[in-house]
Protein backbone atom coordinates (compact mmCIF):
# COMPACT_ATOMS: atom_id res chain seq x y z
CA MET A 1 -51.50 2.22 -6.21
CA ASN A 2 -48.95 0.12 -8.14
CA ASN A 3 -47.54 3.27 -9.78
CA LEU A 4 -47.02 4.80 -6.34
CA GLN A 5 -45.26 1.65 -5.12
CA ASN A 6 -43.01 1.54 -8.19
CA LYS A 7 -42.15 5.22 -7.80
CA SER A 8 -41.34 4.65 -4.14
CA PHE A 9 -39.18 1.61 -4.97
CA PHE A 10 -37.11 3.37 -7.63
CA GLY A 11 -36.89 6.46 -5.46
CA ARG A 12 -35.20 4.43 -2.70
CA ILE A 13 -32.48 3.05 -5.00
CA ASP A 14 -29.13 4.74 -4.44
CA TRP A 15 -28.65 6.18 -7.93
CA ILE A 16 -25.44 7.95 -6.93
CA THR A 17 -23.77 4.59 -6.25
CA ILE A 18 -25.10 3.20 -9.53
CA GLY A 19 -23.72 6.28 -11.29
CA LEU A 20 -20.29 5.72 -9.74
CA TRP A 21 -20.43 2.05 -10.76
CA MET A 22 -21.32 2.90 -14.36
CA THR A 23 -18.62 5.59 -14.50
CA LEU A 24 -15.95 3.11 -13.38
CA CYS A 25 -17.17 0.50 -15.89
CA LEU A 26 -16.96 2.99 -18.75
CA ILE A 27 -13.52 4.21 -17.66
CA GLY A 28 -12.39 0.59 -17.57
CA TRP A 29 -13.82 -0.11 -21.03
CA PHE A 30 -12.06 2.84 -22.67
CA ASN A 31 -8.76 2.05 -20.95
CA ILE A 32 -8.94 -1.61 -21.95
CA HIS A 33 -9.46 -0.31 -25.50
CA ALA A 34 -6.34 1.81 -25.13
CA ALA A 35 -4.31 -0.98 -23.50
CA VAL A 36 -4.86 -3.53 -26.28
CA TYR A 37 -5.75 -1.20 -29.15
CA ASP A 38 -5.64 -2.88 -32.54
CA ALA A 39 -5.53 -0.49 -35.52
CA GLU A 40 -6.94 -3.24 -37.74
CA ASN A 41 -9.90 -3.74 -35.39
CA PRO A 42 -10.42 -0.24 -33.94
CA GLY A 43 -14.13 -0.52 -33.11
CA LEU A 44 -15.04 -0.54 -29.43
CA PHE A 45 -17.60 -3.27 -30.11
CA ASN A 46 -15.37 -5.61 -32.13
CA LEU A 47 -15.87 -8.97 -30.41
CA ALA A 48 -12.54 -10.25 -31.68
CA THR A 49 -10.82 -7.97 -29.16
CA ASN A 50 -10.75 -7.74 -25.37
CA TYR A 51 -12.47 -4.36 -25.42
CA GLY A 52 -15.23 -5.74 -27.60
CA LYS A 53 -15.73 -8.63 -25.19
CA GLN A 54 -15.67 -6.19 -22.26
CA SER A 55 -18.59 -4.30 -23.81
CA ILE A 56 -20.60 -7.54 -23.65
CA TYR A 57 -19.51 -8.10 -20.05
CA ILE A 58 -20.61 -4.58 -19.09
CA PHE A 59 -23.97 -4.97 -20.83
CA THR A 60 -24.63 -8.33 -19.16
CA ALA A 61 -23.48 -6.89 -15.81
CA LEU A 62 -26.09 -4.14 -16.22
CA ILE A 63 -28.79 -6.75 -16.93
CA ILE A 64 -27.67 -8.76 -13.90
CA GLY A 65 -27.80 -5.61 -11.75
CA ILE A 66 -31.34 -4.79 -12.89
CA CYS A 67 -32.48 -8.35 -12.15
CA ILE A 68 -30.98 -8.17 -8.66
CA LEU A 69 -32.84 -4.91 -7.95
CA ILE A 70 -36.10 -6.58 -8.95
CA ILE A 71 -35.64 -9.74 -6.86
CA ASP A 72 -37.00 -9.71 -3.30
CA SER A 73 -34.09 -8.90 -0.97
CA ARG A 74 -35.14 -11.70 1.40
CA PHE A 75 -34.16 -14.19 -1.29
CA PHE A 76 -30.47 -13.35 -0.81
CA ILE A 77 -30.77 -13.78 2.95
CA SER A 78 -32.47 -17.18 2.81
CA SER A 79 -30.25 -18.40 -0.05
CA ALA A 80 -26.92 -17.40 1.55
CA PRO A 81 -26.02 -20.94 2.77
CA ILE A 82 -26.98 -22.48 -0.59
CA ILE A 83 -24.95 -19.92 -2.56
CA TYR A 84 -21.95 -20.57 -0.30
CA ILE A 85 -22.16 -24.35 -0.74
CA LEU A 86 -22.50 -24.05 -4.53
CA VAL A 87 -19.45 -21.79 -4.76
CA ILE A 88 -17.42 -24.12 -2.51
CA LEU A 89 -18.32 -27.00 -4.84
CA LEU A 90 -17.20 -24.87 -7.79
CA LEU A 91 -13.89 -24.17 -6.06
CA ILE A 92 -13.40 -27.90 -5.50
CA ALA A 93 -14.33 -28.61 -9.13
CA THR A 94 -11.71 -26.09 -10.22
CA LEU A 95 -9.03 -28.22 -8.56
CA VAL A 96 -10.16 -31.17 -10.71
CA VAL A 97 -11.08 -29.70 -14.10
CA GLY A 98 -9.60 -26.21 -13.83
CA ARG A 99 -7.21 -24.80 -16.41
CA SER A 100 -3.86 -23.41 -15.36
CA VAL A 101 -3.24 -19.80 -16.43
CA GLY A 102 -0.06 -18.05 -15.33
CA GLY A 103 0.71 -20.87 -12.90
CA ASN A 104 -2.69 -20.64 -11.17
CA GLN A 105 -5.27 -23.37 -11.60
CA SER A 106 -8.15 -20.95 -11.06
CA TRP A 107 -10.21 -21.17 -14.24
CA ILE A 108 -12.97 -23.45 -15.47
CA PRO A 109 -13.15 -23.44 -19.29
CA LEU A 110 -16.66 -22.92 -20.68
CA GLY A 111 -16.15 -22.85 -24.42
CA SER A 112 -14.35 -19.63 -25.30
CA PHE A 113 -15.14 -18.17 -21.86
CA ARG A 114 -13.19 -18.94 -18.69
CA LEU A 115 -14.97 -18.78 -15.34
CA GLN A 116 -12.98 -17.90 -12.22
CA PRO A 117 -14.95 -19.27 -9.21
CA SER A 118 -12.67 -17.58 -6.67
CA GLU A 119 -14.14 -14.21 -7.70
CA PHE A 120 -17.60 -15.41 -6.70
CA GLY A 121 -16.18 -16.94 -3.52
CA LYS A 122 -15.87 -13.43 -2.07
CA LEU A 123 -19.57 -12.79 -2.68
CA ALA A 124 -20.64 -16.13 -1.20
CA THR A 125 -18.43 -15.63 1.87
CA CYS A 126 -19.84 -12.15 2.52
CA LEU A 127 -23.40 -13.49 2.32
CA LEU A 128 -22.86 -16.48 4.62
CA LEU A 129 -20.80 -14.47 7.10
CA ALA A 130 -23.61 -11.89 7.32
CA TYR A 131 -26.17 -14.71 7.58
CA TYR A 132 -24.33 -16.44 10.42
CA LEU A 133 -23.34 -13.41 12.48
CA SER A 134 -26.77 -11.77 12.18
CA ASN A 135 -28.54 -14.95 13.37
CA GLN A 136 -26.69 -15.23 16.66
CA THR A 137 -29.14 -15.17 19.56
CA ASN A 138 -26.33 -14.08 21.85
CA LYS A 139 -25.77 -10.51 20.67
CA THR A 140 -22.64 -10.16 22.80
CA PRO A 141 -19.57 -11.07 20.70
CA ASN A 142 -17.94 -14.29 21.92
CA MET A 143 -15.04 -16.52 20.95
CA LYS A 144 -17.20 -19.41 19.67
CA THR A 145 -19.00 -17.16 17.18
CA LEU A 146 -15.68 -15.62 16.12
CA MET A 147 -14.15 -19.04 15.48
CA ILE A 148 -17.09 -20.28 13.40
CA GLY A 149 -17.15 -16.99 11.48
CA ALA A 150 -13.42 -17.33 10.85
CA ALA A 151 -13.95 -20.89 9.59
CA ILE A 152 -16.50 -19.58 7.06
CA VAL A 153 -13.77 -17.28 5.73
CA PHE A 154 -10.88 -19.75 5.88
CA LEU A 155 -12.55 -22.58 3.95
CA PRO A 156 -12.52 -20.71 0.60
CA ILE A 157 -9.05 -19.37 1.45
CA ALA A 158 -7.74 -22.94 1.73
CA LEU A 159 -9.34 -23.99 -1.56
CA VAL A 160 -8.05 -20.93 -3.40
CA MET A 161 -4.56 -21.49 -1.98
CA LEU A 162 -4.67 -25.04 -3.36
CA GLN A 163 -5.26 -23.43 -6.76
CA LYS A 164 -1.97 -21.54 -6.18
CA ASP A 165 -3.82 -18.23 -6.44
CA THR A 166 -2.24 -16.40 -3.51
CA GLY A 167 -3.52 -12.99 -4.56
CA SER A 168 -7.19 -14.00 -4.53
CA ALA A 169 -6.72 -15.86 -1.24
CA LEU A 170 -5.30 -12.77 0.46
CA VAL A 171 -8.42 -10.76 -0.44
CA PHE A 172 -10.52 -12.80 2.00
CA PHE A 173 -8.38 -11.58 4.91
CA SER A 174 -9.82 -8.10 4.37
CA LEU A 175 -13.01 -9.40 6.04
CA ILE A 176 -11.22 -8.90 9.36
CA PHE A 177 -12.72 -5.39 9.23
CA VAL A 178 -16.19 -6.95 9.40
CA PHE A 179 -15.29 -8.71 12.66
CA TYR A 180 -13.83 -5.45 13.93
CA ARG A 181 -16.96 -3.44 13.09
CA GLU A 182 -19.19 -6.00 14.80
CA GLY A 183 -17.05 -6.02 17.94
CA TYR A 184 -15.59 -9.53 17.68
CA ILE A 185 -12.05 -8.22 17.66
CA GLY A 186 -10.66 -5.04 19.15
CA SER A 187 -8.31 -2.37 17.90
CA SER A 188 -5.44 -4.20 19.58
CA VAL A 189 -5.75 -7.05 17.05
CA LEU A 190 -5.42 -4.63 14.13
CA ILE A 191 -2.46 -2.94 15.82
CA ILE A 192 -0.76 -6.30 16.45
CA GLY A 193 -1.38 -7.25 12.82
CA GLY A 194 0.19 -4.01 11.65
CA LEU A 195 3.20 -4.54 13.95
CA ALA A 196 3.60 -8.09 12.65
CA ILE A 197 3.81 -6.82 9.07
CA LEU A 198 6.26 -4.09 10.09
CA LEU A 199 8.50 -6.54 11.97
CA PHE A 200 8.39 -8.96 9.05
CA VAL A 201 9.62 -6.27 6.67
CA LEU A 202 12.28 -5.01 9.11
CA ALA A 203 13.51 -8.58 9.69
CA LEU A 204 14.14 -8.86 5.94
CA LEU A 205 16.03 -5.56 5.82
CA ILE A 206 17.98 -5.67 9.10
CA ASN A 207 20.06 -8.40 10.72
CA GLN A 208 17.66 -10.24 13.04
CA TRP A 209 19.93 -9.96 16.09
CA ILE A 210 20.42 -6.23 15.57
CA LEU A 211 16.64 -5.84 15.26
CA ILE A 212 16.07 -7.81 18.46
CA GLY A 213 18.64 -5.60 20.18
CA ILE A 214 16.81 -2.44 19.04
CA ILE A 215 13.50 -3.82 20.32
CA ALA A 216 15.21 -4.72 23.61
CA LEU A 217 16.35 -1.11 24.03
CA ILE A 218 12.87 0.22 23.26
CA CYS A 219 11.23 -2.26 25.65
CA GLY A 220 13.82 -1.44 28.31
CA PHE A 221 13.02 2.27 28.00
CA PHE A 222 9.27 1.71 28.41
CA ALA A 223 9.85 -0.75 31.27
CA PHE A 224 11.90 1.90 33.10
CA MET A 225 9.23 4.56 32.54
CA MET A 226 6.46 2.24 33.77
CA ARG A 227 8.46 0.46 36.49
CA LYS A 228 5.96 1.37 39.21
CA LYS A 229 3.32 -0.96 37.74
CA ARG A 230 4.34 -4.61 37.72
CA LYS A 231 1.61 -5.56 35.21
CA ASN A 232 3.04 -3.18 32.62
CA ILE A 233 6.54 -4.63 33.04
CA ILE A 234 5.19 -8.18 32.58
CA ASN A 235 3.32 -7.13 29.41
CA ILE A 236 6.45 -5.46 28.02
CA ALA A 237 8.50 -8.59 28.78
CA LEU A 238 5.93 -10.78 27.02
CA PHE A 239 5.92 -8.43 24.03
CA PHE A 240 9.71 -8.63 23.79
CA ALA A 241 9.68 -12.44 24.05
CA PHE A 242 7.02 -12.93 21.38
CA SER A 243 8.62 -10.32 19.11
CA SER A 244 11.99 -12.04 19.37
CA ILE A 245 10.52 -15.47 18.55
CA TYR A 246 8.56 -13.97 15.66
CA ILE A 247 11.64 -12.22 14.22
CA LEU A 248 13.69 -15.42 14.44
CA SER A 249 10.94 -17.32 12.60
CA VAL A 250 10.75 -14.85 9.70
CA ASP A 251 13.80 -16.27 7.96
CA PHE A 252 12.37 -19.81 8.04
CA ALA A 253 8.94 -18.69 6.83
CA TYR A 254 10.43 -16.53 4.09
CA ASN A 255 12.70 -19.23 2.68
CA GLN A 256 10.66 -22.37 3.33
CA ILE A 257 7.02 -21.28 2.85
CA LEU A 258 7.15 -18.59 0.18
CA LYS A 259 7.91 -19.65 -3.39
CA PRO A 260 11.02 -18.31 -5.18
CA HIS A 261 9.05 -15.92 -7.43
CA GLN A 262 7.16 -14.58 -4.39
CA ARG A 263 10.44 -13.96 -2.55
CA ASN A 264 11.87 -12.24 -5.60
CA ARG A 265 8.87 -9.90 -5.88
CA ILE A 266 9.24 -8.91 -2.23
CA ASP A 267 13.00 -8.43 -2.66
CA VAL A 268 12.35 -6.14 -5.64
CA ILE A 269 9.91 -4.02 -3.59
CA LEU A 270 12.35 -3.81 -0.68
CA GLY A 271 15.21 -2.87 -2.99
CA LYS A 272 17.30 -5.93 -2.07
CA ILE A 273 17.62 -6.93 -5.72
CA GLU A 274 17.19 -5.10 -9.03
CA ASP A 275 15.85 -7.68 -11.45
CA LEU A 276 14.75 -5.47 -14.34
CA ARG A 277 14.57 -8.38 -16.78
CA GLY A 278 12.92 -10.86 -14.43
CA GLU A 279 10.56 -10.36 -11.48
CA GLY A 280 11.19 -6.62 -11.47
CA TYR A 281 10.35 -6.13 -15.15
CA ASN A 282 6.60 -5.57 -14.73
CA LEU A 283 7.05 -3.12 -11.88
CA ASN A 284 9.81 -1.18 -13.64
CA GLN A 285 7.78 -0.83 -16.86
CA SER A 286 4.72 0.08 -14.81
CA LYS A 287 6.56 2.93 -13.10
CA ILE A 288 7.92 4.15 -16.43
CA ALA A 289 4.43 4.16 -17.97
CA ILE A 290 2.79 5.97 -15.07
CA GLY A 291 5.63 8.46 -14.68
CA SER A 292 5.72 9.27 -18.39
CA GLY A 293 2.13 10.53 -18.20
CA GLN A 294 3.29 13.49 -16.09
CA LEU A 295 0.52 16.00 -15.24
CA PHE A 296 -2.09 15.64 -17.98
CA GLY A 297 -1.00 12.46 -19.77
CA LYS A 298 -0.12 11.76 -23.38
CA GLY A 299 -3.72 11.57 -24.53
CA TYR A 300 -6.13 8.79 -25.42
CA LEU A 301 -4.47 6.04 -27.52
CA GLN A 302 -1.20 8.00 -27.44
CA GLY A 303 0.63 6.04 -24.74
CA THR A 304 3.90 4.64 -26.12
CA GLN A 305 4.46 2.17 -23.26
CA THR A 306 0.89 1.02 -23.77
CA LYS A 307 0.93 0.98 -27.57
CA TYR A 308 4.11 -1.10 -27.81
CA ASN A 309 3.14 -3.62 -25.11
CA PHE A 310 6.00 -2.88 -22.72
CA VAL A 311 3.84 -3.65 -19.69
CA PRO A 312 2.56 -7.26 -19.51
CA GLU A 313 -1.04 -7.88 -18.38
CA GLN A 314 -1.84 -4.22 -19.02
CA SER A 315 -5.54 -4.77 -19.63
CA THR A 316 -5.96 -6.78 -16.42
CA ASP A 317 -3.71 -6.47 -13.37
CA PHE A 318 -1.78 -3.42 -14.65
CA ILE A 319 -4.65 -1.46 -16.17
CA PHE A 320 -3.81 1.54 -13.96
CA CYS A 321 -0.63 2.02 -16.04
CA THR A 322 -2.80 3.00 -18.99
CA VAL A 323 -4.64 5.54 -16.86
CA GLY A 324 -1.38 7.01 -15.59
CA GLU A 325 0.28 7.20 -18.99
CA GLU A 326 -2.59 8.49 -21.10
CA TRP A 327 -4.49 10.59 -18.54
CA GLY A 328 -1.58 11.63 -16.32
CA PHE A 329 -1.59 12.66 -12.68
CA VAL A 330 -4.86 14.55 -13.04
CA GLY A 331 -6.65 11.58 -14.57
CA SER A 332 -5.23 9.24 -11.93
CA VAL A 333 -6.42 11.53 -9.13
CA ILE A 334 -9.90 11.69 -10.68
CA LEU A 335 -10.08 7.88 -10.87
CA ILE A 336 -8.88 7.49 -7.27
CA SER A 337 -11.42 10.12 -6.17
CA ILE A 338 -14.24 8.15 -7.79
CA TYR A 339 -13.14 5.02 -5.93
CA VAL A 340 -12.92 6.88 -2.63
CA ALA A 341 -16.39 8.33 -3.23
CA LEU A 342 -17.74 4.84 -3.90
CA LEU A 343 -16.16 3.40 -0.77
CA LEU A 344 -17.42 6.25 1.41
CA ARG A 345 -20.87 5.82 -0.12
CA ILE A 346 -20.86 2.10 0.73
CA VAL A 347 -19.85 2.82 4.34
CA ASN A 348 -22.65 5.40 4.54
CA ILE A 349 -25.09 2.82 3.18
CA ALA A 350 -23.82 0.29 5.74
CA GLU A 351 -24.44 2.61 8.67
CA ARG A 352 -28.01 3.42 7.67
CA GLN A 353 -29.13 -0.21 7.44
CA ARG A 354 -31.81 -1.38 9.87
CA THR A 355 -30.82 -5.04 9.94
CA ALA A 356 -27.61 -6.66 11.14
CA PHE A 357 -27.45 -8.82 7.99
CA ALA A 358 -27.44 -5.84 5.62
CA ARG A 359 -24.92 -3.92 7.74
CA ILE A 360 -22.51 -6.85 8.03
CA TYR A 361 -22.82 -7.61 4.33
CA ALA A 362 -22.21 -3.95 3.45
CA TYR A 363 -18.97 -3.86 5.43
CA GLY A 364 -17.91 -7.06 3.67
CA VAL A 365 -18.45 -5.34 0.31
CA ALA A 366 -16.51 -2.26 1.44
CA SER A 367 -13.62 -4.40 2.77
CA ILE A 368 -13.21 -6.44 -0.41
CA LEU A 369 -13.43 -3.45 -2.77
CA PHE A 370 -10.98 -1.45 -0.64
CA PHE A 371 -8.47 -4.32 -0.56
CA HIS A 372 -8.61 -4.77 -4.34
CA PHE A 373 -8.33 -1.02 -4.93
CA PHE A 374 -5.44 -0.45 -2.51
CA ILE A 375 -3.39 -3.52 -3.45
CA ASN A 376 -3.85 -3.14 -7.21
CA LEU A 377 -2.76 0.50 -7.21
CA GLY A 378 -0.02 -0.27 -4.69
CA MET A 379 1.55 -2.98 -6.82
CA THR A 380 1.59 -0.81 -9.96
CA ILE A 381 3.59 1.91 -8.21
CA GLY A 382 5.80 -0.35 -6.09
CA LEU A 383 4.22 -0.01 -2.66
CA VAL A 384 3.30 -3.70 -2.35
CA PRO A 385 4.49 -6.90 -4.08
CA VAL A 386 2.84 -7.92 -7.34
CA ILE A 387 0.18 -10.47 -6.36
CA GLY A 388 -2.09 -10.28 -9.39
CA ILE A 389 -5.58 -9.09 -8.46
CA PRO A 390 -7.86 -6.98 -10.70
CA LEU A 391 -8.86 -3.36 -10.24
CA PRO A 392 -12.65 -3.53 -9.59
CA PHE A 393 -14.84 -2.55 -12.57
CA ILE A 394 -11.76 -1.39 -14.50
CA SER A 395 -9.70 -4.50 -15.31
CA TYR A 396 -10.64 -6.73 -18.22
CA GLY A 397 -12.56 -9.89 -17.36
CA GLY A 398 -16.10 -11.17 -17.12
CA SER A 399 -15.78 -13.10 -13.85
CA SER A 400 -14.37 -10.15 -11.90
CA LEU A 401 -16.78 -7.59 -13.36
CA TRP A 402 -19.84 -9.78 -12.75
CA SER A 403 -18.81 -10.77 -9.23
CA PHE A 404 -18.10 -7.16 -8.18
CA THR A 405 -21.36 -6.02 -9.79
CA ILE A 406 -23.41 -8.70 -8.03
CA LEU A 407 -21.62 -7.89 -4.78
CA LEU A 408 -22.53 -4.20 -5.09
CA PHE A 409 -26.06 -4.53 -6.44
CA ILE A 410 -27.16 -6.97 -3.75
CA LEU A 411 -26.15 -4.28 -1.27
CA LEU A 412 -28.16 -1.69 -3.22
CA ARG A 413 -31.14 -4.07 -3.12
CA PHE A 414 -30.88 -4.37 0.66
CA ASP A 415 -30.60 -0.62 0.93
CA SER A 416 -33.63 0.05 -1.27
CA SER A 417 -35.79 -2.23 0.88
CA ARG A 418 -34.33 -1.37 4.30
CA LYS A 419 -37.66 0.09 5.50
CA GLY A 420 -39.42 -3.17 4.72
CA LEU A 421 -36.96 -5.63 6.26
């Protein structure tokens, strides 16, 4: 009987997702080896190097994943509030005893290892958000539930911002897709958010009064076309008023809220300045490395930009440069395809869940992984400003690899036991 139960349990595990996870981990390991290759310490398992340490992180991540698959899935549901509180306390402790690295006080030193609690904050937030939203007796989405859910997300954001880690803080905003999937916000909110980003960028590129004039012409055209319905005209007038106020506030927000290095990174992306020796150095070298790979790449350990350390942080935030240079366009497309396959698999897992908790948690996992994937690749090719977040399962680092692995394997545990929940 026990053999039948064990066979049934292992048969329900999504081995395709585990295969994709392992593939990404191995790709990351080999590219970290290429990014920081040391001819005097060439072995992949040399613990004096980052790639040697990454092999330990991957092995321990595998052990952690196996343990998660063995634990009763109900443990993660009942422990969600406790896990959230513990991580919040860790984030507070980081502000007191944390070590500053690259201007961010985001690390707690533990001997030779540095723990980054903000990475685990994403996991804890996904769990508590799923716990709270799934326990609402009123199944109809309402503003009170939305506000409390938003507070669950914004508390770690505030603490991470105090650590001056803007990149990690921005990741939490991706959970807006969870609220959208559960019906707490509509498509109009996402559209308004997209328009706000577009207007912000345009206000930096175009004189604000000229931009307001263009919007006035567009609004006037739509008002004329819809003049028979007074409600439409009022809505258009309100849109114009709010847009104008927003555009006029961009200059203040840009110059008074953002830090100089953040403004410079945005200016580099928008082409307003060409700072090839300063803020634009990383991006310029990144583009050179990726472009030099051409179709099939220069070959493993043959990347000149990589070998001579032209790209800073190449084993962490800019690991995709190594892929582009040594494996070329074809290798880059293969890596992106694996990520897309993983994300689609997670969404498929989310939709087949029988409990609200598992579904909400699954969409949290998908949102966070997608944000990391899109922003990391975007910043290496100049589509978004450099904000310094790792490429999941690929970038060097124990905290990020473990947090992403735990995030994913808890979902796989829910999925394997969905018939019993």
